[in-house]
Amino acid sequence: MRVLLSLTAFLVLPPGTALQAEDRINFARDIRPILSANCYQCHGADDASREADLRLDVRKAAIEKQGESAAIVPGDPLASDMVRRITSEDDDIIMPPKDSGKSLKPQQIVLLN
């Protein structure tokens, strides 16, 4: 999957902007805005609107195992349920759900992986 996402980055990012191994991703600058715009509405601080009892706005909750897996497994994107869901082509699994009106750009998927 990593090769596929690297290939995706190569195909969709303009020349000279592909992520390099030495590039440092900053959570506050690069990741939080993606999660805030696409995930926090259903997986954020509001107990009343939270889906699947999953919080992605709090690190401890995001990396905590729920059943067999965790939404985010630091250092192991292939084990992260979030990566599996944002890269899925199955309408029953993909996040954000199609009916939410939200979608991730290929560059955002690369960053989240």
N, C-alpha and C. Protein backbone atom coordinates (compact mmCIF):
# COMPACT_ATOMS: atom_id res chain seq x y z
N MET A 1 0.84 -1.19 0.00
CA MET A 1 0.00 0.00 0.00
C MET A 1 0.88 1.25 0.00
N ARG A 2 2.00 1.22 0.71
CA ARG A 2 2.89 2.37 0.77
C ARG A 2 3.40 2.71 -0.63
N VAL A 3 3.75 1.66 -1.39
CA VAL A 3 4.22 1.89 -2.75
C VAL A 3 3.12 2.53 -3.58
N LEU A 4 1.89 2.04 -3.41
CA LEU A 4 0.76 2.61 -4.14
C LEU A 4 0.58 4.08 -3.79
N LEU A 5 0.67 4.41 -2.50
CA LEU A 5 0.49 5.81 -2.10
C LEU A 5 1.66 6.66 -2.56
N SER A 6 2.87 6.10 -2.56
CA SER A 6 4.01 6.85 -3.08
C SER A 6 3.82 7.10 -4.56
N LEU A 7 3.33 6.10 -5.27
CA LEU A 7 3.05 6.26 -6.69
C LEU A 7 1.96 7.30 -6.89
N THR A 8 0.95 7.26 -6.04
CA THR A 8 -0.12 8.26 -6.12
C THR A 8 0.46 9.65 -5.94
N ALA A 9 1.34 9.82 -4.97
CA ALA A 9 1.96 11.14 -4.74
C ALA A 9 2.73 11.57 -5.96
N PHE A 10 3.46 10.63 -6.57
CA PHE A 10 4.23 10.95 -7.76
C PHE A 10 3.32 11.40 -8.91
N LEU A 11 2.17 10.75 -9.04
CA LEU A 11 1.27 11.05 -10.15
C LEU A 11 0.46 12.32 -9.96
N VAL A 12 0.12 12.67 -8.71
CA VAL A 12 -0.80 13.78 -8.50
C VAL A 12 -0.15 15.07 -8.02
N LEU A 13 1.05 14.99 -7.47
CA LEU A 13 1.68 16.20 -6.99
C LEU A 13 2.51 16.83 -8.12
N PRO A 14 2.50 18.15 -8.23
CA PRO A 14 3.31 18.80 -9.26
C PRO A 14 4.78 18.46 -9.08
N PRO A 15 5.56 18.45 -10.16
CA PRO A 15 7.00 18.15 -10.04
C PRO A 15 7.65 19.03 -8.99
N GLY A 16 8.52 18.43 -8.21
CA GLY A 16 9.23 19.16 -7.17
C GLY A 16 8.49 19.26 -5.86
N THR A 17 7.23 18.75 -5.79
CA THR A 17 6.48 18.85 -4.54
C THR A 17 6.22 17.49 -3.90
N ALA A 18 6.65 16.41 -4.53
CA ALA A 18 6.45 15.08 -3.95
C ALA A 18 7.16 15.02 -2.60
N LEU A 19 6.55 14.33 -1.65
CA LEU A 19 7.14 14.21 -0.33
C LEU A 19 8.43 13.39 -0.41
N GLN A 20 9.48 13.91 0.17
CA GLN A 20 10.75 13.23 0.23
C GLN A 20 10.93 12.67 1.64
N ALA A 21 11.76 11.65 1.77
CA ALA A 21 11.98 11.02 3.08
C ALA A 21 12.45 12.04 4.11
N GLU A 22 13.24 13.04 3.68
CA GLU A 22 13.77 14.01 4.64
C GLU A 22 12.78 15.12 5.00
N ASP A 23 11.65 15.21 4.29
CA ASP A 23 10.63 16.19 4.63
C ASP A 23 10.03 15.86 5.99
N ARG A 24 9.86 16.88 6.79
CA ARG A 24 9.29 16.68 8.11
C ARG A 24 7.84 17.14 8.08
N ILE A 25 6.95 16.24 8.42
CA ILE A 25 5.54 16.59 8.49
C ILE A 25 5.26 17.11 9.88
N ASN A 26 4.61 18.25 9.94
CA ASN A 26 4.28 18.88 11.21
C ASN A 26 2.79 18.65 11.47
N PHE A 27 2.47 18.02 12.61
CA PHE A 27 1.08 17.69 12.90
C PHE A 27 0.19 18.93 12.88
N ALA A 28 0.59 19.96 13.59
CA ALA A 28 -0.26 21.16 13.70
C ALA A 28 -0.45 21.85 12.35
N ARG A 29 0.59 21.90 11.55
CA ARG A 29 0.53 22.58 10.26
C ARG A 29 -0.07 21.73 9.15
N ASP A 30 0.27 20.43 9.12
CA ASP A 30 -0.06 19.58 7.98
C ASP A 30 -1.22 18.62 8.21
N ILE A 31 -1.33 18.05 9.39
CA ILE A 31 -2.29 16.97 9.65
C ILE A 31 -3.57 17.47 10.32
N ARG A 32 -3.44 18.24 11.38
CA ARG A 32 -4.62 18.71 12.10
C ARG A 32 -5.64 19.40 11.19
N PRO A 33 -5.23 20.27 10.26
CA PRO A 33 -6.23 20.90 9.38
C PRO A 33 -7.02 19.89 8.53
N ILE A 34 -6.37 18.82 8.10
CA ILE A 34 -7.06 17.79 7.32
C ILE A 34 -8.08 17.08 8.19
N LEU A 35 -7.66 16.68 9.39
CA LEU A 35 -8.57 15.99 10.31
C LEU A 35 -9.71 16.91 10.74
N SER A 36 -9.39 18.16 11.01
CA SER A 36 -10.41 19.11 11.44
C SER A 36 -11.47 19.32 10.37
N ALA A 37 -11.06 19.45 9.13
CA ALA A 37 -12.00 19.71 8.04
C ALA A 37 -12.79 18.47 7.63
N ASN A 38 -12.24 17.28 7.85
CA ASN A 38 -12.87 16.07 7.30
C ASN A 38 -13.30 15.03 8.32
N CYS A 39 -12.80 15.11 9.55
CA CYS A 39 -13.03 14.02 10.50
C CYS A 39 -13.65 14.44 11.83
N TYR A 40 -13.27 15.62 12.32
CA TYR A 40 -13.68 16.01 13.67
C TYR A 40 -15.18 16.19 13.83
N GLN A 41 -15.90 16.45 12.76
CA GLN A 41 -17.35 16.61 12.89
C GLN A 41 -17.98 15.35 13.47
N CYS A 42 -17.47 14.19 13.07
CA CYS A 42 -18.00 12.91 13.56
C CYS A 42 -17.10 12.23 14.58
N HIS A 43 -15.83 12.64 14.63
CA HIS A 43 -14.86 11.98 15.51
C HIS A 43 -14.10 13.01 16.31
N GLY A 44 -14.83 13.99 16.85
CA GLY A 44 -14.21 15.07 17.61
C GLY A 44 -14.74 15.17 19.03
N ALA A 45 -14.69 16.36 19.56
CA ALA A 45 -14.99 16.62 20.97
C ALA A 45 -16.46 16.48 21.35
N ASP A 46 -17.37 16.68 20.41
CA ASP A 46 -18.79 16.68 20.72
C ASP A 46 -19.32 15.26 20.95
N ASP A 47 -19.61 14.94 22.21
CA ASP A 47 -20.12 13.60 22.55
C ASP A 47 -21.40 13.26 21.78
N ALA A 48 -22.25 14.25 21.59
CA ALA A 48 -23.56 14.01 20.97
C ALA A 48 -23.46 13.63 19.50
N SER A 49 -22.42 14.11 18.81
CA SER A 49 -22.31 13.82 17.38
C SER A 49 -21.21 12.80 17.05
N ARG A 50 -20.52 12.30 18.08
CA ARG A 50 -19.41 11.37 17.85
C ARG A 50 -19.91 10.03 17.34
N GLU A 51 -19.27 9.54 16.29
CA GLU A 51 -19.59 8.26 15.68
C GLU A 51 -18.58 7.20 16.10
N ALA A 52 -19.06 5.97 16.24
CA ALA A 52 -18.21 4.80 16.51
C ALA A 52 -17.36 4.95 17.77
N ASP A 53 -17.79 5.83 18.67
CA ASP A 53 -17.05 6.06 19.91
C ASP A 53 -15.57 6.32 19.64
N LEU A 54 -15.28 7.05 18.56
CA LEU A 54 -13.90 7.32 18.15
C LEU A 54 -13.64 8.81 18.16
N ARG A 55 -12.59 9.19 18.89
CA ARG A 55 -12.12 10.57 18.90
C ARG A 55 -10.78 10.64 18.22
N LEU A 56 -10.68 11.50 17.23
CA LEU A 56 -9.41 11.69 16.55
C LEU A 56 -8.74 13.01 16.94
N ASP A 57 -9.42 13.80 17.76
CA ASP A 57 -8.85 15.09 18.17
C ASP A 57 -8.02 14.99 19.44
N VAL A 58 -7.96 13.81 20.03
CA VAL A 58 -7.17 13.57 21.24
C VAL A 58 -6.25 12.38 20.94
N ARG A 59 -4.93 12.61 21.02
CA ARG A 59 -3.97 11.57 20.63
C ARG A 59 -4.22 10.25 21.34
N LYS A 60 -4.38 10.29 22.65
CA LYS A 60 -4.55 9.06 23.42
C LYS A 60 -5.74 8.25 22.90
N ALA A 61 -6.84 8.91 22.61
CA ALA A 61 -8.03 8.22 22.10
C ALA A 61 -7.81 7.70 20.67
N ALA A 62 -7.09 8.47 19.86
CA ALA A 62 -6.88 8.09 18.46
C ALA A 62 -5.98 6.86 18.32
N ILE A 63 -5.05 6.67 19.26
CA ILE A 63 -4.13 5.53 19.16
C ILE A 63 -4.54 4.35 20.02
N GLU A 64 -5.62 4.52 20.79
CA GLU A 64 -6.10 3.45 21.67
C GLU A 64 -6.78 2.35 20.87
N LYS A 65 -6.47 1.11 21.20
CA LYS A 65 -7.11 -0.01 20.51
C LYS A 65 -8.58 -0.07 20.86
N GLN A 66 -9.39 -0.30 19.83
CA GLN A 66 -10.82 -0.56 20.00
C GLN A 66 -11.05 -1.91 19.36
N GLY A 67 -11.19 -2.92 20.17
CA GLY A 67 -11.31 -4.26 19.63
C GLY A 67 -9.96 -4.73 19.13
N GLU A 68 -9.90 -5.12 17.86
CA GLU A 68 -8.68 -5.67 17.28
C GLU A 68 -7.70 -4.64 16.76
N SER A 69 -8.14 -3.39 16.58
CA SER A 69 -7.26 -2.41 15.95
C SER A 69 -7.40 -1.04 16.58
N ALA A 70 -6.51 -0.16 16.15
CA ALA A 70 -6.55 1.24 16.58
C ALA A 70 -6.71 2.09 15.33
N ALA A 71 -7.34 3.24 15.48
CA ALA A 71 -7.51 4.13 14.33
C ALA A 71 -6.15 4.55 13.79
N ILE A 72 -5.25 4.90 14.69
CA ILE A 72 -3.91 5.32 14.30
C ILE A 72 -2.90 4.50 15.08
N VAL A 73 -1.99 3.87 14.36
CA VAL A 73 -0.89 3.14 14.98
C VAL A 73 0.38 3.91 14.62
N PRO A 74 0.91 4.68 15.58
CA PRO A 74 2.10 5.50 15.28
C PRO A 74 3.23 4.65 14.70
N GLY A 75 3.78 5.13 13.59
CA GLY A 75 4.89 4.45 12.96
C GLY A 75 4.53 3.25 12.11
N ASP A 76 3.23 2.89 12.06
CA ASP A 76 2.82 1.72 11.29
C ASP A 76 1.50 2.01 10.57
N PRO A 77 1.56 2.78 9.49
CA PRO A 77 0.33 3.15 8.80
C PRO A 77 -0.46 1.95 8.28
N LEU A 78 0.22 0.87 7.92
CA LEU A 78 -0.49 -0.30 7.39
C LEU A 78 -1.35 -0.97 8.47
N ALA A 79 -1.01 -0.75 9.73
CA ALA A 79 -1.81 -1.31 10.83
C ALA A 79 -2.88 -0.33 11.31
N SER A 80 -2.89 0.87 10.77
CA SER A 80 -3.83 1.91 11.19
C SER A 80 -5.16 1.76 10.46
N ASP A 81 -6.23 1.64 11.25
CA ASP A 81 -7.56 1.52 10.66
C ASP A 81 -7.91 2.76 9.85
N MET A 82 -7.45 3.93 10.28
CA MET A 82 -7.75 5.16 9.55
C MET A 82 -7.17 5.09 8.14
N VAL A 83 -5.95 4.62 8.00
CA VAL A 83 -5.33 4.53 6.68
C VAL A 83 -6.10 3.54 5.81
N ARG A 84 -6.49 2.43 6.39
CA ARG A 84 -7.28 1.45 5.63
C ARG A 84 -8.58 2.08 5.14
N ARG A 85 -9.21 2.88 5.97
CA ARG A 85 -10.50 3.47 5.60
C ARG A 85 -10.37 4.61 4.61
N ILE A 86 -9.35 5.45 4.75
CA ILE A 86 -9.23 6.58 3.82
C ILE A 86 -8.74 6.14 2.45
N THR A 87 -8.16 4.94 2.36
CA THR A 87 -7.69 4.43 1.07
C THR A 87 -8.64 3.39 0.47
N SER A 88 -9.70 3.06 1.16
CA SER A 88 -10.64 2.05 0.68
C SER A 88 -11.45 2.56 -0.51
N GLU A 89 -11.85 1.62 -1.35
CA GLU A 89 -12.77 1.95 -2.44
C GLU A 89 -14.16 1.39 -2.16
N ASP A 90 -14.32 0.78 -1.00
CA ASP A 90 -15.60 0.20 -0.59
C ASP A 90 -16.45 1.29 0.07
N ASP A 91 -17.60 1.59 -0.50
CA ASP A 91 -18.47 2.65 0.03
C ASP A 91 -18.92 2.40 1.46
N ASP A 92 -18.90 1.16 1.93
CA ASP A 92 -19.29 0.84 3.30
C ASP A 92 -18.16 1.08 4.29
N ILE A 93 -16.95 1.24 3.80
CA ILE A 93 -15.78 1.37 4.67
C ILE A 93 -15.13 2.74 4.57
N ILE A 94 -15.14 3.33 3.40
CA ILE A 94 -14.37 4.55 3.15
C ILE A 94 -14.73 5.68 4.11
N MET A 95 -13.71 6.42 4.51
CA MET A 95 -13.88 7.61 5.32
C MET A 95 -13.16 8.75 4.61
N PRO A 96 -13.73 9.93 4.66
CA PRO A 96 -15.07 10.21 5.16
C PRO A 96 -16.12 9.56 4.24
N PRO A 97 -17.27 9.24 4.83
CA PRO A 97 -18.31 8.58 4.03
C PRO A 97 -18.77 9.47 2.88
N LYS A 98 -19.15 8.82 1.80
CA LYS A 98 -19.57 9.57 0.59
C LYS A 98 -20.71 10.54 0.91
N ASP A 99 -21.66 10.12 1.77
CA ASP A 99 -22.81 10.99 2.06
C ASP A 99 -22.49 12.17 2.98
N SER A 100 -21.25 12.25 3.45
CA SER A 100 -20.86 13.38 4.29
C SER A 100 -20.61 14.64 3.47
N GLY A 101 -20.40 14.45 2.15
CA GLY A 101 -20.06 15.58 1.30
C GLY A 101 -18.60 15.98 1.40
N LYS A 102 -17.83 15.25 2.17
CA LYS A 102 -16.42 15.53 2.34
C LYS A 102 -15.61 14.48 1.60
N SER A 103 -14.42 14.85 1.18
CA SER A 103 -13.53 13.88 0.56
C SER A 103 -12.10 14.35 0.73
N LEU A 104 -11.20 13.41 0.74
CA LEU A 104 -9.79 13.73 0.87
C LEU A 104 -9.14 13.80 -0.51
N LYS A 105 -8.29 14.78 -0.69
CA LYS A 105 -7.51 14.89 -1.92
C LYS A 105 -6.37 13.86 -1.84
N PRO A 106 -5.90 13.40 -2.99
CA PRO A 106 -4.79 12.43 -2.96
C PRO A 106 -3.59 12.90 -2.15
N GLN A 107 -3.27 14.20 -2.22
CA GLN A 107 -2.15 14.73 -1.45
C GLN A 107 -2.40 14.59 0.05
N GLN A 108 -3.65 14.77 0.48
CA GLN A 108 -3.97 14.63 1.89
C GLN A 108 -3.84 13.18 2.34
N ILE A 109 -4.24 12.27 1.49
CA ILE A 109 -4.11 10.84 1.82
C ILE A 109 -2.65 10.48 1.99
N VAL A 110 -1.80 11.01 1.12
CA VAL A 110 -0.36 10.76 1.24
C VAL A 110 0.15 11.28 2.58
N LEU A 111 -0.25 12.48 2.97
CA LEU A 111 0.18 13.04 4.24
C LEU A 111 -0.29 12.19 5.43
N LEU A 112 -1.51 11.71 5.37
CA LEU A 112 -2.06 10.92 6.48
C LEU A 112 -1.45 9.53 6.56
N ASN A 113 -0.85 9.10 5.49
CA ASN A 113 -0.21 7.78 5.49
C ASN A 113 1.20 7.94 5.98
